[in-house]
Amino acid sequence: MNSKITSARVFAIAGPAMVANLTTPLIGVVSTIAIGQLGDATLLGGVAITSVVFDCLFWLFSFLRTSTVAFTAQALGAGETQEIRALLVRGLAIAGVIGFGLIVLQLPLGMLLLDAMGGSEGVTRTARAYFSIRIWSAPIVLANFVVLGWLIGQARAGLALAIQIVVNVINMAGTVALVTGMNAGIEGAAIAAVVAEAVGLVLGVVVARTITYRPLNVPRAVLLDRAKLWRMLSVNRDIMIRTAALITTFLFFTAQGARAGDVTLAANAVLNNFLLISAFFLDGLANAAQQLCGQAYGARNRTDFSDAVRLVLSWGFGFAVAVAIVFALFGPWLIHTMTANADVQRTAQDYLWFVVASPLLAVFAFGYDGIFIGATWAREMRNLMILSLLCFLATWFALRGMGNTGLWIALLVHYAARGGLQALRYPANLRTSFAPLAVPAPA
């Protein structure tokens, strides 16, 4: 019998996710271009720091999206229709609590995160102005995580794509209009982000109600099912710890760049947009892995699970090669497009080849992340990510005398460790998760 998992089915999910993901780093590119054309490295550094801070802050709670994908896909595979609706309502409630908590804690949070970045006084002052506005989008952003994860978990990637593109287009258009058209500076970029996310949430809730053909109310007993709640909290805890270890890597990377001076910080910020383009592109296939592996896991279908893994990793490597070639050919032009500062351009080009190599290593990290999330192998993900963080820090410590070069080498080692460690663990997890159930002996 032919496998139900085909390349066409993979790309029915991955294709829209790739397009939607590609529009996300374009926000950073547009912001960088808009601020960069002002020719002030301090402003560009402020954009770099706040972009990383919010990416990491919201990323810490990305379990709201990833676990929603996994649990929704598993419920779909198991035929639990009512649980699919309950997952959306649970997720939105949790997103609201966390988001409003971040708003309440914005003053100490802003001081802690921005001071920890180690930027110059001018960069930090600029970053604070952006932070004080953008933080108000916290509950909206986290709720959007849930809605998008819920849609992808049901293999409705086209709808998720439409919502995400609307959000990102409004964000980019608003940034250009406010920063360059109305001279609103970095504050204009923050306002554009808040407005765009709010529009996205309204649209997402309307879509969710439309496809369920009913209000989103769920019986209390189903919503508060103790076993399902405990499993969700346990998986979310492990994914959050895993994400915190990953965030630590990128915060450390940015902070070390900031300590090397405003020009190095700005150059790394420009190159970080390349990494985001690559990462979100490859993450489209990881989304396919989350949904297809999650649905196969819920249906207890080992064949479909293994076929999804094979196709996702194979196609992922092909796309990684293509992305690396594009970066090699068009990298210098992109750098000059993103910044008008000659020193920043020169420094960014010195480190371009590290960016070219990154997708060839990152593809396996992203692919196995999607596989492990779909199967909710969260504890293993947590432990292996912590080991990858230690590999990164050990490499940086050994090469710290090489400055920014050693820092980039350490980042590549981190990518390699993430994918390699999960690949080594995968066979044992597969055997355990799909082991045949014991059949009682006849009496």
Protein backbone atom coordinates (compact mmCIF):
# COMPACT_ATOMS: atom_id res chain seq x y z
CA MET A 1 0.00 0.00 0.00
CA ASN A 2 1.29 3.47 -0.83
CA SER A 3 1.96 5.79 2.07
CA LYS A 4 -0.65 8.42 2.83
CA ILE A 5 2.15 10.91 3.39
CA THR A 6 3.31 12.38 0.10
CA SER A 7 5.38 15.39 -0.94
CA ALA A 8 2.16 17.07 -2.09
CA ARG A 9 0.69 16.71 1.39
CA VAL A 10 3.87 18.01 3.00
CA PHE A 11 3.83 21.12 0.80
CA ALA A 12 0.13 21.68 1.28
CA ILE A 13 1.17 22.66 4.82
CA ALA A 14 4.78 23.75 4.31
CA GLY A 15 4.12 25.91 1.24
CA PRO A 16 1.70 28.38 2.86
CA ALA A 17 3.76 28.31 6.07
CA MET A 18 6.91 29.20 4.11
CA VAL A 19 5.22 32.12 2.39
CA ALA A 20 3.79 33.38 5.69
CA ASN A 21 7.10 32.88 7.50
CA LEU A 22 9.02 34.68 4.78
CA THR A 23 6.89 37.78 5.28
CA THR A 24 7.77 37.84 9.00
CA PRO A 25 11.52 38.59 8.69
CA LEU A 26 10.62 41.12 6.00
CA ILE A 27 9.25 43.23 8.86
CA GLY A 28 12.76 43.32 10.32
CA VAL A 29 14.22 44.02 6.89
CA VAL A 30 11.78 46.89 6.26
CA SER A 31 12.38 48.34 9.74
CA THR A 32 16.13 48.06 9.23
CA ILE A 33 15.91 49.78 5.83
CA ALA A 34 13.58 52.54 7.11
CA ILE A 35 15.75 53.33 10.13
CA GLY A 36 18.99 52.54 8.29
CA GLN A 37 18.35 55.19 5.65
CA LEU A 38 18.59 57.79 8.40
CA GLY A 39 22.32 56.93 8.46
CA ASP A 40 22.54 56.73 12.27
CA ALA A 41 24.18 53.54 13.63
CA THR A 42 22.73 54.32 17.08
CA LEU A 43 19.15 54.15 15.80
CA LEU A 44 19.91 50.97 13.86
CA GLY A 45 21.43 49.48 16.99
CA GLY A 46 18.29 50.41 18.94
CA VAL A 47 16.16 48.59 16.36
CA ALA A 48 18.51 45.59 16.61
CA ILE A 49 18.29 45.36 20.39
CA THR A 50 14.52 45.80 20.64
CA SER A 51 13.89 43.39 17.78
CA VAL A 52 15.93 40.72 19.52
CA VAL A 53 14.37 41.48 22.92
CA PHE A 54 10.79 41.13 21.63
CA ASP A 55 11.61 38.19 19.41
CA CYS A 56 13.06 36.43 22.45
CA LEU A 57 10.42 37.61 24.93
CA PHE A 58 7.53 36.40 22.79
CA TRP A 59 9.55 33.39 21.66
CA LEU A 60 9.77 32.28 25.30
CA PHE A 61 6.00 31.75 25.18
CA SER A 62 5.96 30.21 21.70
CA PHE A 63 4.85 26.97 23.35
CA LEU A 64 1.39 28.50 22.98
CA ARG A 65 1.79 28.02 19.24
CA THR A 66 3.87 24.85 19.03
CA SER A 67 2.00 22.84 21.63
CA THR A 68 -1.31 23.97 20.13
CA VAL A 69 -0.16 22.63 16.75
CA ALA A 70 0.86 19.29 18.28
CA PHE A 71 -2.16 18.76 20.51
CA THR A 72 -4.61 19.87 17.82
CA ALA A 73 -3.02 17.55 15.25
CA GLN A 74 -3.06 14.65 17.72
CA ALA A 75 -6.73 15.31 18.54
CA LEU A 76 -7.46 15.39 14.81
CA GLY A 77 -5.69 12.06 14.30
CA ALA A 78 -7.56 10.53 17.23
CA GLY A 79 -10.93 11.87 16.02
CA GLU A 80 -11.55 14.01 19.15
CA THR A 81 -13.65 16.79 17.60
CA GLN A 82 -14.74 18.47 20.83
CA GLU A 83 -11.18 18.52 22.16
CA ILE A 84 -10.05 20.47 19.09
CA ARG A 85 -12.35 23.34 20.06
CA ALA A 86 -11.37 23.09 23.72
CA LEU A 87 -7.69 23.46 22.81
CA LEU A 88 -8.33 26.84 21.18
CA VAL A 89 -10.24 28.22 24.18
CA ARG A 90 -7.67 26.92 26.70
CA GLY A 91 -4.86 28.43 24.69
CA LEU A 92 -6.51 31.85 24.37
CA ALA A 93 -7.17 31.97 28.12
CA ILE A 94 -3.54 31.16 28.93
CA ALA A 95 -2.30 33.69 26.35
CA GLY A 96 -4.42 36.42 27.93
CA VAL A 97 -3.13 35.75 31.44
CA ILE A 98 0.51 35.69 30.37
CA GLY A 99 0.18 38.72 28.07
CA PHE A 100 -1.42 40.98 30.67
CA GLY A 101 1.17 39.80 33.18
CA LEU A 102 3.92 41.07 30.87
CA ILE A 103 2.19 44.46 30.63
CA VAL A 104 1.99 44.74 34.42
CA LEU A 105 5.70 43.88 34.72
CA GLN A 106 6.83 46.09 31.84
CA LEU A 107 8.98 48.51 33.87
CA PRO A 108 11.23 45.98 35.65
CA LEU A 109 11.17 43.75 32.57
CA GLY A 110 12.32 46.55 30.30
CA MET A 111 15.12 47.57 32.65
CA LEU A 112 16.32 44.00 33.08
CA LEU A 113 16.28 43.01 29.40
CA LEU A 114 17.60 46.23 27.85
CA ASP A 115 20.35 46.73 30.43
CA ALA A 116 21.42 43.12 29.96
CA MET A 117 21.98 43.73 26.24
CA GLY A 118 24.97 45.95 27.00
CA GLY A 119 24.33 48.57 24.32
CA SER A 120 25.67 52.12 24.43
CA GLU A 121 23.69 54.85 26.20
CA GLY A 122 22.24 56.15 22.94
CA VAL A 123 21.25 52.69 21.71
CA THR A 124 19.62 51.79 25.04
CA ARG A 125 17.68 55.07 25.19
CA THR A 126 16.30 54.47 21.71
CA ALA A 127 15.42 50.89 22.58
CA ARG A 128 13.46 51.97 25.68
CA ALA A 129 11.24 54.23 23.57
CA TYR A 130 10.30 51.29 21.32
CA PHE A 131 9.84 48.86 24.23
CA SER A 132 7.40 51.12 26.12
CA ILE A 133 4.98 51.01 23.18
CA ARG A 134 5.44 47.52 21.76
CA ILE A 135 4.93 45.75 25.11
CA TRP A 136 1.19 46.60 24.91
CA SER A 137 0.84 44.09 22.09
CA ALA A 138 1.86 41.18 24.36
CA PRO A 139 -1.57 39.55 24.98
CA ILE A 140 -2.50 40.08 21.32
CA VAL A 141 0.70 38.49 19.98
CA LEU A 142 0.37 35.47 22.28
CA ALA A 143 -3.30 35.00 21.34
CA ASN A 144 -2.28 35.07 17.69
CA PHE A 145 0.22 32.29 18.44
CA VAL A 146 -2.66 30.13 19.65
CA VAL A 147 -4.93 30.86 16.68
CA LEU A 148 -2.20 30.18 14.11
CA GLY A 149 -1.13 26.99 15.89
CA TRP A 150 -4.72 25.79 16.06
CA LEU A 151 -5.21 26.34 12.33
CA ILE A 152 -1.95 24.66 11.35
CA GLY A 153 -2.74 21.73 13.65
CA GLN A 154 -5.84 21.09 11.55
CA ALA A 155 -3.80 21.36 8.32
CA ARG A 156 -5.51 24.66 7.51
CA ALA A 157 -2.21 26.30 6.61
CA GLY A 158 -3.84 28.42 3.89
CA LEU A 159 -5.97 30.25 6.44
CA ALA A 160 -2.98 30.70 8.76
CA LEU A 161 -1.06 32.09 5.79
CA ALA A 162 -3.77 34.61 4.98
CA ILE A 163 -3.93 35.92 8.55
CA GLN A 164 -0.17 36.16 8.94
CA ILE A 165 0.28 37.95 5.63
CA VAL A 166 -2.39 40.50 6.59
CA VAL A 167 -0.57 41.15 9.90
CA ASN A 168 2.84 41.47 8.28
CA VAL A 169 1.74 43.64 5.36
CA ILE A 170 -0.02 46.07 7.73
CA ASN A 171 3.09 46.09 9.93
CA MET A 172 5.44 46.84 7.03
CA ALA A 173 3.19 49.46 5.44
CA GLY A 174 2.62 51.14 8.80
CA THR A 175 6.34 51.18 9.56
CA VAL A 176 7.20 52.85 6.25
CA ALA A 177 4.37 55.37 6.58
CA LEU A 178 5.12 56.31 10.19
CA VAL A 179 8.94 56.19 10.16
CA THR A 180 9.73 57.75 6.79
CA GLY A 181 6.46 59.44 5.84
CA MET A 182 5.52 61.01 9.17
CA ASN A 183 8.99 61.16 10.78
CA ALA A 184 7.73 59.20 13.81
CA GLY A 185 11.10 57.51 14.28
CA ILE A 186 11.47 54.23 16.13
CA GLU A 187 8.20 54.86 18.01
CA GLY A 188 6.36 54.70 14.67
CA ALA A 189 7.70 51.20 14.04
CA ALA A 190 6.40 50.10 17.45
CA ILE A 191 2.92 51.56 16.86
CA ALA A 192 2.71 49.81 13.49
CA ALA A 193 3.47 46.45 15.13
CA VAL A 194 0.76 46.86 17.79
CA VAL A 195 -1.92 47.84 15.27
CA ALA A 196 -1.04 45.00 12.91
CA GLU A 197 -1.22 42.33 15.63
CA ALA A 198 -4.61 43.63 16.81
CA VAL A 199 -6.05 43.40 13.30
CA GLY A 200 -4.67 39.86 13.02
CA LEU A 201 -6.33 38.69 16.22
CA VAL A 202 -9.75 40.03 15.22
CA LEU A 203 -9.43 38.31 11.86
CA GLY A 204 -8.25 35.06 13.49
CA VAL A 205 -11.19 34.86 15.89
CA VAL A 206 -13.63 35.51 13.05
CA VAL A 207 -12.03 32.71 11.01
CA ALA A 208 -12.12 30.30 13.98
CA ARG A 209 -15.82 30.91 14.59
CA THR A 210 -16.54 30.52 10.88
CA ILE A 211 -14.86 27.14 10.45
CA THR A 212 -16.40 25.70 13.64
CA TYR A 213 -19.90 26.87 12.61
CA ARG A 214 -20.66 27.75 16.22
CA PRO A 215 -19.62 30.02 19.12
CA LEU A 216 -16.33 29.08 20.78
CA ASN A 217 -17.88 28.17 24.14
CA VAL A 218 -16.84 24.73 25.44
CA PRO A 219 -18.41 22.69 28.29
CA ARG A 220 -16.61 23.38 31.56
CA ALA A 221 -15.94 19.69 32.19
CA VAL A 222 -14.19 19.35 28.84
CA LEU A 223 -12.27 22.60 29.16
CA LEU A 224 -10.96 21.72 32.64
CA ASP A 225 -10.34 18.01 32.06
CA ARG A 226 -7.63 17.29 34.65
CA ALA A 227 -5.64 14.72 32.67
CA LYS A 228 -5.54 16.85 29.51
CA LEU A 229 -4.69 20.00 31.44
CA TRP A 230 -1.85 18.28 33.29
CA ARG A 231 -0.40 16.85 30.08
CA MET A 232 -0.63 20.24 28.38
CA LEU A 233 1.06 22.03 31.29
CA SER A 234 3.79 19.39 31.49
CA VAL A 235 4.59 19.61 27.78
CA ASN A 236 4.40 23.42 27.83
CA ARG A 237 6.78 23.56 30.80
CA ASP A 238 9.38 21.48 28.99
CA ILE A 239 9.01 23.41 25.73
CA MET A 240 9.35 26.68 27.65
CA ILE A 241 12.58 25.54 29.32
CA ARG A 242 13.87 24.34 25.95
CA THR A 243 12.97 27.70 24.40
CA ALA A 244 14.63 29.58 27.26
CA ALA A 245 17.88 27.71 26.54
CA LEU A 246 17.58 28.61 22.85
CA ILE A 247 16.82 32.26 23.67
CA THR A 248 19.85 32.39 25.96
CA THR A 249 22.02 31.49 22.98
CA PHE A 250 20.75 34.33 20.81
CA LEU A 251 20.65 36.90 23.62
CA PHE A 252 24.24 36.03 24.46
CA PHE A 253 25.17 36.32 20.78
CA THR A 254 23.57 39.78 20.50
CA ALA A 255 24.98 40.99 23.81
CA GLN A 256 28.53 40.02 22.81
CA GLY A 257 28.05 41.87 19.52
CA ALA A 258 26.83 44.94 21.43
CA ARG A 259 29.90 44.89 23.65
CA ALA A 260 32.08 44.92 20.52
CA GLY A 261 30.70 48.36 19.59
CA ASP A 262 27.80 49.95 17.72
CA VAL A 263 29.17 49.12 14.26
CA THR A 264 29.62 45.40 15.05
CA LEU A 265 26.18 45.32 16.69
CA ALA A 266 24.60 46.94 13.64
CA ALA A 267 26.45 44.59 11.24
CA ASN A 268 25.31 41.53 13.20
CA ALA A 269 21.77 42.98 13.15
CA VAL A 270 21.87 43.19 9.35
CA LEU A 271 23.14 39.60 9.11
CA ASN A 272 20.54 38.49 11.65
CA ASN A 273 17.90 39.33 9.05
CA PHE A 274 19.53 36.73 6.79
CA LEU A 275 19.30 34.17 9.59
CA LEU A 276 15.64 35.03 10.13
CA ILE A 277 14.86 34.64 6.44
CA SER A 278 16.58 31.26 6.43
CA ALA A 279 15.07 30.13 9.73
CA PHE A 280 11.49 31.06 8.97
CA PHE A 281 11.81 29.52 5.51
CA LEU A 282 13.04 26.18 6.89
CA ASP A 283 10.49 26.43 9.67
CA GLY A 284 7.76 26.03 7.05
CA LEU A 285 8.82 22.40 6.67
CA ALA A 286 9.04 22.10 10.45
CA ASN A 287 5.38 23.18 10.56
CA ALA A 288 4.56 20.33 8.20
CA ALA A 289 6.45 17.94 10.49
CA GLN A 290 4.53 19.18 13.53
CA GLN A 291 1.15 18.66 11.90
CA LEU A 292 1.81 15.42 10.01
CA CYS A 293 3.82 13.76 12.78
CA GLY A 294 1.28 14.93 15.36
CA GLN A 295 -1.65 13.54 13.41
CA ALA A 296 0.16 10.24 12.78
CA TYR A 297 1.07 10.06 16.46
CA GLY A 298 -2.53 10.65 17.50
CA ALA A 299 -3.68 7.92 15.10
CA ARG A 300 -0.86 5.60 16.31
CA ASN A 301 0.34 5.17 12.71
CA ARG A 302 4.08 4.50 12.67
CA THR A 303 4.32 4.22 8.88
CA ASP A 304 2.84 7.67 8.29
CA PHE A 305 5.04 9.09 11.04
CA SER A 306 8.25 7.69 9.53
CA ASP A 307 7.30 8.77 6.03
CA ALA A 308 6.63 12.32 7.21
CA VAL A 309 10.05 12.42 8.88
CA ARG A 310 11.81 11.19 5.74
CA LEU A 311 10.12 13.65 3.41
CA VAL A 312 10.50 16.67 5.69
CA LEU A 313 14.22 16.11 6.22
CA SER A 314 14.90 15.38 2.55
CA TRP A 315 13.07 18.42 1.23
CA GLY A 316 14.52 20.53 4.02
CA PHE A 317 18.09 19.81 3.00
CA GLY A 318 17.28 20.66 -0.61
CA PHE A 319 15.85 24.02 0.39
CA ALA A 320 18.80 24.68 2.70
CA VAL A 321 21.20 24.30 -0.23
CA ALA A 322 19.07 26.69 -2.30
CA VAL A 323 19.00 29.32 0.48
CA ALA A 324 22.78 29.08 0.94
CA ILE A 325 23.31 29.68 -2.79
CA VAL A 326 21.02 32.73 -2.75
CA PHE A 327 22.88 34.21 0.21
CA ALA A 328 26.24 33.62 -1.49
CA LEU A 329 25.14 35.28 -4.74
CA PHE A 330 23.02 38.15 -3.47
CA GLY A 331 24.34 38.71 0.06
CA PRO A 332 26.50 41.79 -0.71
CA TRP A 333 23.62 43.47 -2.55
CA LEU A 334 21.22 42.77 0.33
CA ILE A 335 23.67 44.20 2.86
CA HIS A 336 23.97 47.44 0.88
CA THR A 337 20.18 47.61 0.60
CA MET A 338 19.68 47.25 4.35
CA THR A 339 22.09 49.94 5.52
CA ALA A 340 23.65 53.10 4.11
CA ASN A 341 26.46 53.16 6.68
CA ALA A 342 29.76 52.24 4.95
CA ASP A 343 31.38 50.85 8.13
CA VAL A 344 28.40 48.62 8.83
CA GLN A 345 28.37 47.41 5.22
CA ARG A 346 32.06 46.51 5.33
CA THR A 347 31.79 44.69 8.66
CA ALA A 348 28.70 42.73 7.62
CA GLN A 349 30.39 41.53 4.43
CA ASP A 350 33.35 40.23 6.48
CA TYR A 351 31.01 37.74 8.20
CA LEU A 352 28.70 36.93 5.29
CA TRP A 353 30.11 33.42 4.75
CA PHE A 354 29.03 32.34 8.21
CA VAL A 355 25.47 33.22 7.16
CA VAL A 356 25.89 31.25 3.93
CA ALA A 357 26.86 28.12 5.92
CA SER A 358 24.11 28.47 8.53
CA PRO A 359 21.11 26.93 6.67
CA LEU A 360 23.08 23.76 5.85
CA LEU A 361 23.41 23.10 9.58
CA ALA A 362 20.17 24.68 10.78
CA VAL A 363 17.94 22.57 8.53
CA PHE A 364 18.32 19.47 10.70
CA ALA A 365 17.79 21.47 13.89
CA PHE A 366 14.50 22.85 12.56
CA GLY A 367 13.41 19.55 11.03
CA TYR A 368 13.88 17.53 14.18
CA ASP A 369 12.33 20.30 16.27
CA GLY A 370 9.13 19.89 14.24
CA ILE A 371 9.25 16.10 14.57
CA PHE A 372 9.81 16.15 18.33
CA ILE A 373 7.10 18.77 18.84
CA GLY A 374 4.56 16.83 16.77
CA ALA A 375 5.15 13.74 18.90
CA THR A 376 5.27 15.87 22.09
CA TRP A 377 8.72 14.48 22.97
CA ALA A 378 9.13 17.64 25.01
CA ARG A 379 11.33 16.31 27.81
CA GLU A 380 13.94 15.07 25.34
CA MET A 381 13.82 18.38 23.45
CA ARG A 382 14.42 20.24 26.70
CA ASN A 383 17.44 18.16 27.70
CA LEU A 384 19.07 18.19 24.27
CA MET A 385 18.63 21.94 23.87
CA ILE A 386 20.38 22.51 27.19
CA LEU A 387 23.27 20.37 25.95
CA SER A 388 23.36 22.41 22.73
CA LEU A 389 23.55 25.62 24.76
CA LEU A 390 26.52 24.22 26.68
CA CYS A 391 28.22 23.37 23.36
CA PHE A 392 27.70 26.96 22.21
CA LEU A 393 29.10 28.48 25.39
CA ALA A 394 32.07 26.12 25.48
CA THR A 395 32.94 26.96 21.86
CA TRP A 396 32.65 30.69 22.47
CA PHE A 397 34.80 30.46 25.60
CA ALA A 398 37.49 28.53 23.70
CA LEU A 399 37.44 31.00 20.77
CA ARG A 400 36.65 34.24 22.59
CA GLY A 401 40.06 35.63 21.63
CA MET A 402 38.87 35.66 18.00
CA GLY A 403 36.20 38.24 18.81
CA ASN A 404 33.16 38.34 16.54
CA THR A 405 34.56 35.51 14.38
CA GLY A 406 34.64 33.16 17.36
CA LEU A 407 31.11 34.20 18.21
CA TRP A 408 29.84 33.26 14.74
CA ILE A 409 31.67 29.92 14.84
CA ALA A 410 30.02 29.16 18.18
CA LEU A 411 26.59 29.87 16.66
CA LEU A 412 27.24 27.38 13.84
CA VAL A 413 28.33 24.78 16.40
CA HIS A 414 25.04 25.36 18.21
CA TYR A 415 23.03 24.66 15.05
CA ALA A 416 25.01 21.47 14.44
CA ALA A 417 24.58 20.26 18.03
CA ARG A 418 20.80 20.83 18.00
CA GLY A 419 20.19 18.75 14.90
CA GLY A 420 22.83 16.13 15.62
CA LEU A 421 21.76 15.35 19.18
CA GLN A 422 18.09 15.02 18.21
CA ALA A 423 19.00 12.78 15.27
CA LEU A 424 20.86 10.46 17.65
CA ARG A 425 17.90 10.35 20.05
CA TYR A 426 15.20 9.89 17.38
CA PRO A 427 15.43 6.07 16.85
CA ALA A 428 14.97 5.30 20.55
CA ASN A 429 11.99 7.66 20.83
CA LEU A 430 10.39 6.13 17.75
CA ARG A 431 10.69 2.60 19.14
CA THR A 432 9.26 3.63 22.51
CA SER A 433 6.35 5.70 21.19
CA PHE A 434 5.17 3.13 18.65
CA ALA A 435 5.95 -0.05 20.57
CA PRO A 436 3.21 -2.66 20.06
CA LEU A 437 0.78 -2.91 22.94
CA ALA A 438 1.13 -6.02 25.04
CA VAL A 439 -1.63 -8.56 24.44
CA PRO A 440 -2.84 -10.34 27.61
CA ALA A 441 -2.27 -14.09 27.58
CA PRO A 442 -5.44 -16.19 27.35
CA ALA A 443 -6.74 -17.38 30.67
